[in-house]
Structure formats: C-alpha cells, structure tokens
C-alpha cells in the first residue's frame, strides 16, 4: 500500500502540478482509507471494492464528519482508483459512478465597503511596517488574490506602469490581475521608501518582507490583518478569504460580469464564482423588503 501511495502522490505532483496542500490532503485521506481497509480484513488497497468505499464513507458520516469532508475523501479515492486503473494495477475501477454527497453551500461572509474603508485606514503611514501593511491590504482588496498568492509575489511580478500583477494560483497556473490606482500608489510608496529599509540583502526577490528582511509568511499576514480588524472595531471574523469574498461581491454589486470576476479570482469553474451572485441577490431582496411600500 505504501509503495502505491508514494507512486500516486509522485504522479499527481509531477503530472498534474497540484498544490502542496492538495497533495497532503490526498495522502492523509488515502492513508485513512487504507487503515479502514486493514481493519476490515483487506490487506491490499487494489483489492478494495465498491462496497468497501461506500462502507468507509458511511463510517465517516457516522463519526460526524462534514459533507465537505466526505466529498473530499471520495475525490481522493476516485483519483487514486483512476490512477490504479490507468496503470493497469486493477482490472476494474470500483469508484466509477460513485456520486459525491451534495454539499450545503454556505454563503461567504463579506465585509461592507465601510468596513473595508475602516480596515484600510488603520496602518500608520509614518511607520516603515505601516506603509508595508497598507500596501499589502490595498493589493489583496484590489485584486482578490489568495493570501498564499499575495505572499508568493516577487518584485518582478508587479508592473505598476501597466497596472497589473502576475500571480501563481492553484495548479501552478499563472494569471494577470488588474491593480487599481490606490493600490499602485501605495505599492510605489512602499517600494520607494519602506522595502529598502526592511530588506537586508540585495538578492531578496519577495515583494513583501518582514522585519528581518525575509519573505512574509501567511501566518504573519494573518496576525497583521487580525490586529487591524480589532483596531477598526470590526466585529466580524475577518480573514484573508473574507477580503477575497468582499472583493468579488463588491465587483458584482457594481456591475462587473461573472466571467471577468471568475478570471480575476482564478476559478477553474464558473460555478465556483456563482456563489457570489447569491450574496448580491440576498442583498437586493433585503433592500427591496426595507424600502418598497408593499413589500
């Protein structure tokens, strides 16, 4: 089992270029499935049947696992079985036609434009780190990129003259995202004044660096964001993804088309982006019910 799992993880890593977090999820899910099989007398994963897969998913369900966890585990098992079938390790694919449980789509939590404004006003422009923080917050709200994409930005990935950033998303896919005038101005100020004071050696490529001159981490940005949310007296749980959700929702509320938002967010499937239309529809209904005399 261990050899087959290692070969599979290597395959999806090299051939499909999956992100590290996805590879770790595959490995964790499949090892859990292997443990279940051994407990039920199946010593080799290639001997697993459709009944064992269904039994494993039912065991997860009975233990209280969320629908999303069940779906992810089935996706991992299905990908692994497809690999085994493709490599002729198994003659029949036991995961064929197994349907994922229907996910309960939760509407994303978003911030109001006023809350965003209050958040962006918090960094102290007289402090070196304050100028950096202001630039980071303006960039993540102006582009809607993921926090991992923000932290991965190099100086060479940003073109202030053209008003674009180049970021690498899931599956190592690159995309260009427009950068607004306010973000451009703040990044320019950061590059001209603060970054040279933070960087310790000329070879550092990272756009956003910490006080030691090294690339800022996701955890570091998370702490910075939490601090400013508290300062702004925002009671919502503000995360980097909250800003990403807010970016998409505010664009749609102001007339942006869904395809453009999909491209900026880096969603492979437009159905992922469509969740934001539910947020805007809900807001329209709230406005109608509060303002129409016969609502």
Foldseek 3Di string as FASTA:
>chain_A
DVVLLVVLLVCCCPVQVFDPVLSVLLSVLVVVLCVQCVVVPNNDPLPDALVSLVVVLVVCVVVPHALVNSQSSLVSLQSSLVVCCVVVVHVDRRSPPPDRPDHDDDQAAADDPVLLVLLLPQQDPVDLVSLLLSLLSLFCLQQLEFLVFSLPFFPVQDDLVVQWGWTQDGSRDIAITGHDPVSSVSLVCNVVPRLVCQADDPPAGTSRDDNNNHRQDQVNSQVVSVVSSVVSVPPDDDGSNNSSLHSLLVCVLVPDDQVVNCRSHVPPDSVVSCSSVVVSVVVVVVVCVVPPPVD
